Protein backbone atom coordinates (compact mmCIF):
# COMPACT_ATOMS: atom_id res chain seq x y z
CA UNK A 1 -0.07 -0.05 0.10
CA UNK A 2 1.37 3.34 -0.90
CA UNK A 3 -0.23 6.56 0.42
CA UNK A 4 -0.08 9.44 -1.67
CA UNK A 5 -0.05 12.84 0.34
CA UNK A 6 -1.58 15.90 -1.65
CA UNK A 7 0.60 18.08 -0.37
CA UNK A 8 3.52 17.82 -2.67
CA UNK A 9 2.59 13.98 -3.33
CA UNK A 10 5.01 12.58 -0.78
CA UNK A 11 4.44 8.96 -0.25
CA UNK A 12 5.42 6.39 2.08
CA UNK A 13 4.82 2.59 2.54
CA UNK A 14 2.62 0.65 4.94
CA UNK A 15 5.61 -0.88 6.58
CA UNK A 16 6.65 2.62 7.76
CA UNK A 17 3.14 3.89 8.52
CA UNK A 18 3.10 3.12 12.35
CA UNK A 19 6.50 4.74 12.66
CA UNK A 20 5.26 8.11 11.16
CA UNK A 21 2.01 7.92 13.19
CA UNK A 22 3.62 7.27 16.31
CA UNK A 23 1.62 4.22 16.88
CA UNK A 24 1.73 0.57 17.56
CA UNK A 25 -0.19 -2.23 16.11
CA UNK A 26 -2.65 -4.32 18.01
CA UNK A 27 -1.59 -8.07 18.23
CA UNK A 28 -5.00 -9.85 18.41
CA UNK A 29 -7.00 -7.20 18.65
CA UNK A 30 -22.45 0.78 6.46
CA UNK A 31 -20.77 2.95 4.68
CA UNK A 32 -22.83 4.10 1.91
CA UNK A 33 -22.62 7.67 2.93
CA UNK A 34 -23.44 8.20 6.55
CA UNK A 35 -27.21 8.52 7.15
CA UNK A 36 -29.40 9.52 10.18
CA UNK A 37 -29.75 7.33 13.07
CA UNK A 38 -31.26 7.93 16.43
CA UNK A 39 -30.01 11.10 17.53
CA UNK A 40 -27.51 12.00 20.18
CA UNK A 41 -24.12 13.44 20.82
CA UNK A 42 -21.11 13.13 18.91
CA UNK A 43 -17.89 11.72 20.54
CA UNK A 44 -14.53 10.71 19.07
CA UNK A 45 -11.12 9.13 19.67
CA UNK A 46 -7.83 8.62 17.72
CA UNK A 47 -5.53 11.06 16.28
CA UNK A 48 -6.19 14.78 16.95
CA UNK A 49 -3.25 16.88 15.69
CA UNK A 50 -5.44 19.02 13.50
CA UNK A 51 -8.40 18.97 16.08
CA UNK A 52 -10.44 16.31 14.45
CA UNK A 53 -11.72 15.07 17.58
CA UNK A 54 -13.60 18.46 17.99
CA UNK A 55 -13.03 18.36 21.89
CA UNK A 56 -11.14 21.93 21.68
CA UNK A 57 -7.74 20.43 21.86
CA UNK A 58 -5.03 18.71 19.49
CA UNK A 59 -4.34 15.86 21.95
CA UNK A 60 -4.96 12.28 20.69
CA UNK A 61 -7.15 9.83 22.85
CA UNK A 62 -7.68 6.22 22.86
CA UNK A 63 -10.98 6.69 24.68
CA UNK A 64 -14.09 8.65 23.26
CA UNK A 65 -13.94 12.27 24.21
CA UNK A 66 -17.10 14.64 23.68
CA UNK A 67 -17.25 16.71 20.69
CA UNK A 68 -18.12 20.42 21.77
CA UNK A 69 -21.24 20.80 19.59
CA UNK A 70 -23.24 23.98 19.69
CA UNK A 71 -25.64 24.25 22.57
CA UNK A 72 -28.89 22.53 21.88
CA UNK A 73 -27.50 20.29 18.93
CA UNK A 74 -28.68 16.69 18.19
CA UNK A 75 -26.36 14.67 15.89
CA UNK A 76 -28.04 11.82 13.98
CA UNK A 77 -24.79 10.85 11.66
CA UNK A 78 -20.94 11.44 11.68
CA UNK A 79 -18.30 10.68 9.14
CA UNK A 80 -14.48 10.87 9.40
CA UNK A 81 -11.88 12.15 6.64
CA UNK A 82 -8.31 12.01 6.91
CA UNK A 83 -7.77 14.92 9.39
CA UNK A 84 -11.34 16.51 9.39
CA UNK A 85 -14.87 15.19 10.80
CA UNK A 86 -18.29 15.70 9.70
CA UNK A 87 -21.77 15.62 11.54
CA UNK A 88 -25.40 15.79 10.43
CA UNK A 89 -27.63 17.40 12.66
CA UNK A 90 -31.30 16.54 13.43
CA UNK A 91 -32.18 19.85 11.79
CA UNK A 92 -30.50 18.76 8.57
CA UNK A 93 -27.31 21.08 8.95
CA UNK A 94 -23.52 19.90 8.57
CA UNK A 95 -21.06 20.58 11.14
CA UNK A 96 -17.23 20.11 10.38
CA UNK A 97 -14.00 20.30 12.38
CA UNK A 98 -10.31 19.61 11.89
CA UNK A 99 -8.05 20.40 8.90
CA UNK A 100 -9.20 22.99 6.76
CA UNK A 101 -6.27 23.42 4.32
CA UNK A 102 -8.23 22.98 1.24
CA UNK A 103 -11.66 24.21 2.51
CA UNK A 104 -12.91 20.62 3.65
CA UNK A 105 -14.85 22.43 6.48
CA UNK A 106 -16.90 24.31 4.20
CA UNK A 107 -17.26 27.36 6.13
CA UNK A 108 -15.49 29.72 3.65
CA UNK A 109 -12.04 29.79 5.20
CA UNK A 110 -8.83 27.67 5.47
CA UNK A 111 -8.62 27.97 9.11
CA UNK A 112 -8.24 24.81 10.89
CA UNK A 113 -11.01 24.43 13.98
CA UNK A 114 -10.76 22.02 16.83
CA UNK A 115 -14.50 22.77 17.56
CA UNK A 116 -17.36 22.25 15.10
CA UNK A 117 -18.15 24.98 12.57
CA UNK A 118 -21.24 24.96 10.28
CA UNK A 119 -20.64 24.38 6.77
CA UNK A 120 -22.38 27.08 4.43
CA UNK A 121 -24.82 24.98 2.47
CA UNK A 122 -27.30 27.10 0.59
CA UNK A 123 -30.25 28.22 2.54
CA UNK A 124 -33.35 25.94 2.89
CA UNK A 125 -31.24 22.77 1.83
CA UNK A 126 -31.78 19.91 4.29
CA UNK A 127 -29.16 17.47 4.30
CA UNK A 128 -29.92 13.75 4.80
CA UNK A 129 -26.46 12.02 4.30
CA UNK A 130 -22.76 12.86 4.68
CA UNK A 131 -19.42 11.46 3.75
CA UNK A 132 -15.68 12.87 4.29
CA UNK A 133 -12.89 11.83 2.06
CA UNK A 134 -8.94 12.74 2.26
CA UNK A 135 -9.50 16.42 1.94
CA UNK A 136 -13.09 16.83 0.60
CA UNK A 137 -16.55 16.49 1.94
CA UNK A 138 -20.02 15.49 0.33
CA UNK A 139 -23.64 15.95 1.23
CA UNK A 140 -26.73 14.65 0.01
CA UNK A 141 -29.90 16.97 0.23
CA UNK A 142 -33.43 15.58 0.86
CA UNK A 143 -34.13 16.76 -2.86
CA UNK A 144 -31.66 14.09 -4.17
CA UNK A 145 -28.95 16.91 -5.06
CA UNK A 146 -25.43 16.41 -4.00
CA UNK A 147 -23.21 19.05 -2.53
CA UNK A 148 -19.41 19.04 -2.37
CA UNK A 149 -16.22 21.14 -1.01
CA UNK A 150 -12.57 20.92 -0.19
CA UNK A 151 -9.96 19.74 -2.30
CA UNK A 152 -10.62 19.34 -5.88
CA UNK A 153 -7.37 18.50 -7.43
CA UNK A 154 -8.63 15.57 -9.43
CA UNK A 155 -12.10 16.57 -10.00
CA UNK A 156 -13.40 14.83 -7.00
CA UNK A 157 -16.14 17.63 -6.17
CA UNK A 158 -17.84 16.77 -9.45
CA UNK A 159 -18.55 20.40 -10.58
CA UNK A 160 -16.63 20.09 -13.88
CA UNK A 161 -13.50 21.99 -12.36
CA UNK A 162 -10.45 21.08 -10.43
CA UNK A 163 -10.58 24.50 -8.25
CA UNK A 164 -10.73 24.04 -4.66
CA UNK A 165 -14.24 25.19 -2.99
CA UNK A 166 -14.32 26.60 0.44
CA UNK A 167 -18.03 26.51 0.63
CA UNK A 168 -20.34 23.83 -0.89
CA UNK A 169 -20.91 23.78 -4.62
CA UNK A 170 -23.46 21.49 -6.45
CA UNK A 171 -22.26 18.30 -8.07
CA UNK A 172 -23.36 18.29 -11.84
CA UNK A 173 -25.50 15.09 -11.74
CA UNK A 174 -27.05 13.77 -15.02
CA UNK A 175 -30.37 15.41 -15.71
CA UNK A 176 -33.24 14.09 -13.62
CA UNK A 177 -30.81 11.97 -11.27
CA UNK A 178 -31.85 11.93 -7.74
CA UNK A 179 -29.01 10.47 -5.20
CA UNK A 180 -29.87 8.68 -2.02
CA UNK A 181 -26.18 8.28 -0.59
CA UNK A 182 -22.63 9.07 -1.07
CA UNK A 183 -19.22 7.90 -0.05
CA UNK A 184 -16.07 9.72 -0.37
CA UNK A 185 -12.88 7.81 -1.33
CA UNK A 186 -9.33 9.24 -0.83
CA UNK A 187 -9.49 11.36 -3.90
CA UNK A 188 -12.79 10.30 -5.72
CA UNK A 189 -16.52 10.06 -4.99
CA UNK A 190 -19.34 7.59 -5.41
CA UNK A 191 -23.09 8.28 -5.36
CA UNK A 192 -25.91 5.88 -5.36
CA UNK A 193 -29.04 7.08 -7.39
CA UNK A 194 -32.57 6.42 -6.48
CA UNK A 195 -32.76 3.91 -9.38
CA UNK A 196 -29.96 1.71 -7.73
CA UNK A 197 -27.30 3.02 -10.12
CA UNK A 198 -23.70 4.09 -9.06
CA UNK A 199 -22.10 7.36 -10.15
CA UNK A 200 -18.26 7.95 -9.84
CA UNK A 201 -15.88 11.04 -10.41
CA UNK A 202 -12.52 12.14 -9.48
CA UNK A 203 -8.88 10.46 -9.40
CA UNK A 204 -9.21 7.09 -11.50
CA UNK A 205 -5.59 6.09 -11.90
CA UNK A 206 -6.15 2.68 -10.32
CA UNK A 207 -9.64 2.28 -11.92
CA UNK A 208 -11.57 3.31 -8.91
CA UNK A 209 -14.26 4.75 -10.85
CA UNK A 210 -15.16 1.45 -12.12
CA UNK A 211 -15.77 2.98 -15.90
CA UNK A 212 -13.63 0.59 -17.74
CA UNK A 213 -10.66 3.10 -17.97
CA UNK A 214 -8.12 4.92 -15.91
CA UNK A 215 -8.86 8.32 -17.00
CA UNK A 216 -9.98 10.99 -14.21
CA UNK A 217 -13.38 12.31 -14.49
CA UNK A 218 -14.48 15.78 -13.34
CA UNK A 219 -18.20 15.25 -13.77
CA UNK A 220 -20.28 12.02 -12.48
CA UNK A 221 -20.26 8.94 -14.86
CA UNK A 222 -22.01 5.70 -14.43
CA UNK A 223 -20.08 2.60 -12.91
CA UNK A 224 -20.10 -0.45 -15.30
CA UNK A 225 -22.21 -2.91 -13.19
CA UNK A 226 -23.54 -5.75 -14.93
CA UNK A 227 -27.07 -5.05 -16.60
CA UNK A 228 -30.07 -5.82 -14.41
CA UNK A 229 -28.05 -5.33 -11.11
CA UNK A 230 -29.84 -2.85 -8.58
CA UNK A 231 -27.31 -1.56 -5.84
CA UNK A 232 -28.71 -0.79 -2.63
CA UNK A 233 -25.23 0.35 -0.84
CA UNK A 234 -22.00 1.83 -1.95
CA UNK A 235 -18.61 2.13 -0.12
CA UNK A 236 -15.48 3.98 -1.22
CA UNK A 237 -12.19 2.83 -0.06
CA UNK A 238 -8.80 4.46 -0.67
CA UNK A 239 -8.72 3.60 -4.37
CA UNK A 240 -11.48 1.12 -4.82
CA UNK A 241 -15.08 0.96 -4.65
CA UNK A 242 -17.61 -1.52 -3.36
CA UNK A 243 -21.57 -2.08 -4.07
CA UNK A 244 -23.77 -4.42 -2.36
CA UNK A 245 -26.96 -5.34 -4.58
CA UNK A 246 -30.60 -5.88 -3.77
CA UNK A 247 -29.82 -9.59 -4.27
CA UNK A 248 -27.23 -9.48 -1.37
CA UNK A 249 -24.13 -9.68 -3.76
CA UNK A 250 -21.22 -7.73 -3.50
CA UNK A 251 -19.07 -6.04 -6.46
CA UNK A 252 -15.71 -4.31 -6.27
CA UNK A 253 -13.43 -2.52 -8.55
CA UNK A 254 -10.30 -0.43 -8.67
CA UNK A 255 -6.89 -1.29 -6.65
CA UNK A 256 -6.48 -4.79 -5.50
CA UNK A 257 -2.84 -5.06 -4.24
CA UNK A 258 -3.86 -6.47 -0.88
CA UNK A 259 -7.00 -8.60 -2.22
CA UNK A 260 -9.59 -5.85 -1.01
CA UNK A 261 -11.80 -6.64 -4.10
CA UNK A 262 -12.55 -10.04 -2.81
CA UNK A 263 -12.20 -11.95 -6.06
CA UNK A 264 -9.39 -14.45 -4.91
CA UNK A 265 -6.76 -12.23 -6.74
CA UNK A 266 -4.67 -9.23 -6.32
CA UNK A 267 -5.07 -7.89 -9.71
CA UNK A 268 -6.83 -4.51 -10.06
CA UNK A 269 -9.98 -4.06 -12.44
CA UNK A 270 -11.33 -0.91 -14.01
CA UNK A 271 -14.74 -2.55 -13.93
CA UNK A 272 -16.61 -4.28 -11.04
CA UNK A 273 -15.86 -7.93 -10.38
CA UNK A 274 -18.02 -10.09 -7.93
CA UNK A 275 -16.74 -10.60 -4.56
CA UNK A 276 -16.40 -14.61 -3.98
CA UNK A 277 -18.88 -14.53 -0.94
CA UNK A 278 -19.12 -17.87 0.97
CA UNK A 279 -22.01 -20.08 -0.60
CA UNK A 280 -25.45 -19.16 0.69
CA UNK A 281 -24.38 -15.74 2.12
CA UNK A 282 -26.60 -12.67 1.71
CA UNK A 283 -24.89 -9.24 2.40
CA UNK A 284 -26.87 -6.40 3.87
CA UNK A 285 -24.40 -3.71 4.27
CA UNK A 286 -20.80 -2.97 3.47
CA UNK A 287 -17.74 -0.56 4.33
CA UNK A 288 -14.34 0.09 3.21
CA UNK A 289 -11.00 1.07 4.70
CA UNK A 290 -7.94 1.95 3.04
CA UNK A 291 -7.22 -1.54 1.53
CA UNK A 292 -9.46 -3.74 3.15
CA UNK A 293 -13.42 -4.28 2.92
CA UNK A 294 -16.25 -5.19 5.24
CA UNK A 295 -19.52 -6.70 4.94
CA UNK A 296 -22.46 -7.29 7.51
CA UNK A 297 -24.43 -10.60 6.41
CA UNK A 298 -28.11 -11.24 6.80
CA UNK A 299 -27.29 -13.52 9.69
CA UNK A 300 -25.37 -10.73 11.66
CA UNK A 301 -21.82 -11.95 10.89
CA UNK A 302 -19.12 -9.65 9.68
CA UNK A 303 -17.00 -10.76 6.65
CA UNK A 304 -13.63 -9.05 6.15
CA UNK A 305 -10.95 -9.29 3.17
CA UNK A 306 -7.95 -7.27 1.97
CA UNK A 307 -5.02 -5.94 4.11
CA UNK A 308 -4.58 -7.50 7.48
CA UNK A 309 -1.12 -5.83 8.32
CA UNK A 310 -2.50 -4.23 11.39
CA UNK A 311 -5.10 -6.79 12.34
CA UNK A 312 -7.90 -4.91 10.63
CA UNK A 313 -9.58 -8.18 9.51
CA UNK A 314 -10.01 -9.09 13.26
CA UNK A 315 -7.23 -11.63 12.72
CA UNK A 316 -3.79 -11.51 14.40
CA UNK A 317 -1.88 -8.73 12.64
CA UNK A 318 0.15 -10.04 9.96
CA UNK A 319 -1.12 -13.43 10.09
CA UNK A 320 -2.14 -13.71 7.56
CA UNK A 321 -0.82 -10.34 5.92
CA UNK A 322 -4.02 -10.24 3.77
CA UNK A 323 -6.92 -12.37 2.60
CA UNK A 324 -8.04 -12.40 -1.14
CA UNK A 325 -11.50 -13.63 -0.19
CA UNK A 326 -13.81 -12.90 2.57
CA UNK A 327 -13.30 -14.30 5.93
CA UNK A 328 -15.62 -14.13 8.86
CA UNK A 329 -14.31 -11.93 11.49
CA UNK A 330 -13.86 -13.41 14.92
CA UNK A 331 -16.27 -11.65 17.21
CA UNK A 332 -17.53 -12.79 20.56
CA UNK A 333 -20.28 -15.24 20.20
CA UNK A 334 -23.01 -12.99 22.19
CA UNK A 335 -22.52 -10.23 19.83
CA UNK A 336 -25.26 -9.05 17.53
CA UNK A 337 -23.90 -6.75 15.05
CA UNK A 338 -26.03 -3.67 13.74
CA UNK A 339 -23.42 -1.73 11.77
CA UNK A 340 -19.85 -1.67 10.40
CA UNK A 341 -17.21 0.87 9.61
CA UNK A 342 -14.04 0.45 7.97
CA UNK A 343 -10.98 2.89 8.85
CA UNK A 344 -7.69 3.63 7.42
CA UNK A 345 -5.97 0.63 9.18
CA UNK A 346 -8.85 -0.53 11.43
CA UNK A 347 -12.36 -1.75 11.61
CA UNK A 348 -15.25 -0.69 13.78
CA UNK A 349 -18.29 -2.90 14.90
CA UNK A 350 -21.48 -1.47 16.62
CA UNK A 351 -23.50 -3.96 18.26
CA UNK A 352 -27.26 -3.94 18.58
CA UNK A 353 -26.88 -3.33 22.41
CA UNK A 354 -24.84 -0.21 21.56
CA UNK A 355 -21.47 -1.25 22.40
CA UNK A 356 -18.55 -1.06 20.07
CA UNK A 357 -15.57 -3.08 19.26
CA UNK A 358 -12.71 -2.21 17.14
CA UNK A 359 -9.77 -3.99 15.43
CA UNK A 360 -6.44 -2.82 14.08
CA UNK A 361 -4.33 -0.01 15.13
CA UNK A 362 -3.99 0.34 19.01
CA UNK A 363 -4.90 4.10 19.13
CA UNK A 364 -8.55 3.66 17.55
CA UNK A 365 -8.87 -0.01 18.42
CA UNK A 366 -8.61 -0.92 21.94
CA UNK A 367 -8.43 -4.79 22.38
CA UNK A 368 -11.10 -5.32 24.52
CA UNK A 369 -13.75 -2.92 23.14
CA UNK A 370 -14.17 0.91 22.95
CA UNK A 371 -14.66 2.15 26.52
CA UNK A 372 -17.92 4.21 26.17
CA UNK A 373 -19.00 6.61 29.13
CA UNK A 374 -21.28 5.13 31.77
CA UNK A 375 -24.99 5.20 30.91
CA UNK A 376 -24.34 5.70 27.21
CA UNK A 377 -25.03 3.59 24.02
CA UNK A 378 -23.98 4.19 20.51
CA UNK A 379 -26.55 4.59 17.65
CA UNK A 380 -24.02 5.21 14.91
CA UNK A 381 -20.41 4.97 14.40
CA UNK A 382 -18.04 6.01 11.48
CA UNK A 383 -14.47 5.96 10.52
CA UNK A 384 -13.12 6.32 7.04
CA UNK A 385 -10.99 4.94 4.56
CA UNK A 386 -8.33 7.66 5.06
CA UNK A 387 -9.00 8.27 8.94
CA UNK A 388 -7.01 7.42 12.09
CA UNK A 389 -9.74 8.75 14.29
CA UNK A 390 -13.33 7.44 14.64
CA UNK A 391 -16.80 8.98 15.86
CA UNK A 392 -19.68 7.75 17.39
CA UNK A 393 -23.23 9.00 18.15
CA UNK A 394 -24.13 8.27 21.89
CA UNK A 395 -27.43 8.67 23.65
CA UNK A 396 -28.69 7.75 27.01
CA UNK A 397 -29.10 3.85 27.46
CA UNK A 398 -32.96 3.00 27.81
């Protein structure tokens, strides 16, 4: 895995990643655009060097800290980008905090903020889903329109340009298209339409747009899924895409160096290929990390595939280093899984009882479960394919 950094396109390998982050790997230790769940307060843990935890500091934390939301605010969804975070409020507004070098907070400035600020969406726009990428942000309006802001170096904002935007701009969707969900990859974007089709735009050097070529696109184009397939969920990894269908099948495309496409190979594909699910398995939700994939089955099990160098598949770190086909994530027998979320080099699992278990890098994956504040349960969680921090929505139990 090579991780490009937009500022000057510096890169480094996964082998040296933990040294760069100053972290240690844990030994054994439904991302389709984050939509509204039961309302509550936002909490965060992980790296915080740009204020992405939103607690007014830049101090990293291995336990959840409370995001300093404006008084009276209730949050229904959260999403984590590389160094910034998004929250969707019950009023349909978007709050953002963390790094703002390229305008990813959407408040009209380039000033970082370690507390939430409101993204300047057009008046009367009510947002129903959000997603944060490497340095850009996406929001779906109740009308089916999509807005984007932040870094646009490779056209990932979908407005036909490569100019960064400090406030939200409208994505140029095909005429008559209504979007129900979005997912921001590192430097590209995916959208799910109301008719079950998938659109993609932005960087395409590894075929992550799924359009049969590796040319960047500055406007949304249709992913070349098989005829007759109706998609119900999408997830964007660092440089690959996932789609789950109404039949419970999963398709994947783009980079496959670590087997994250789940087709039994490490060969990339610029068109969707079918993930080799175990016989009889139906998938209901998917999520993507940097170079690994997660799926929630109808039976409530979690499947994982791709890179495992840091234990993000739930297997011991580097044992094996990767899986080219889905394997069942070992979880406590009593766990009933409600949601999943892939982080950069971690995985988060939300149980139906409102607890959270994480796997992968220690700072965002305590091996015995995430220690939530007493009396609170989680209703939503999010990390992201570029994030080394995680977010949850918590409310009072009962």
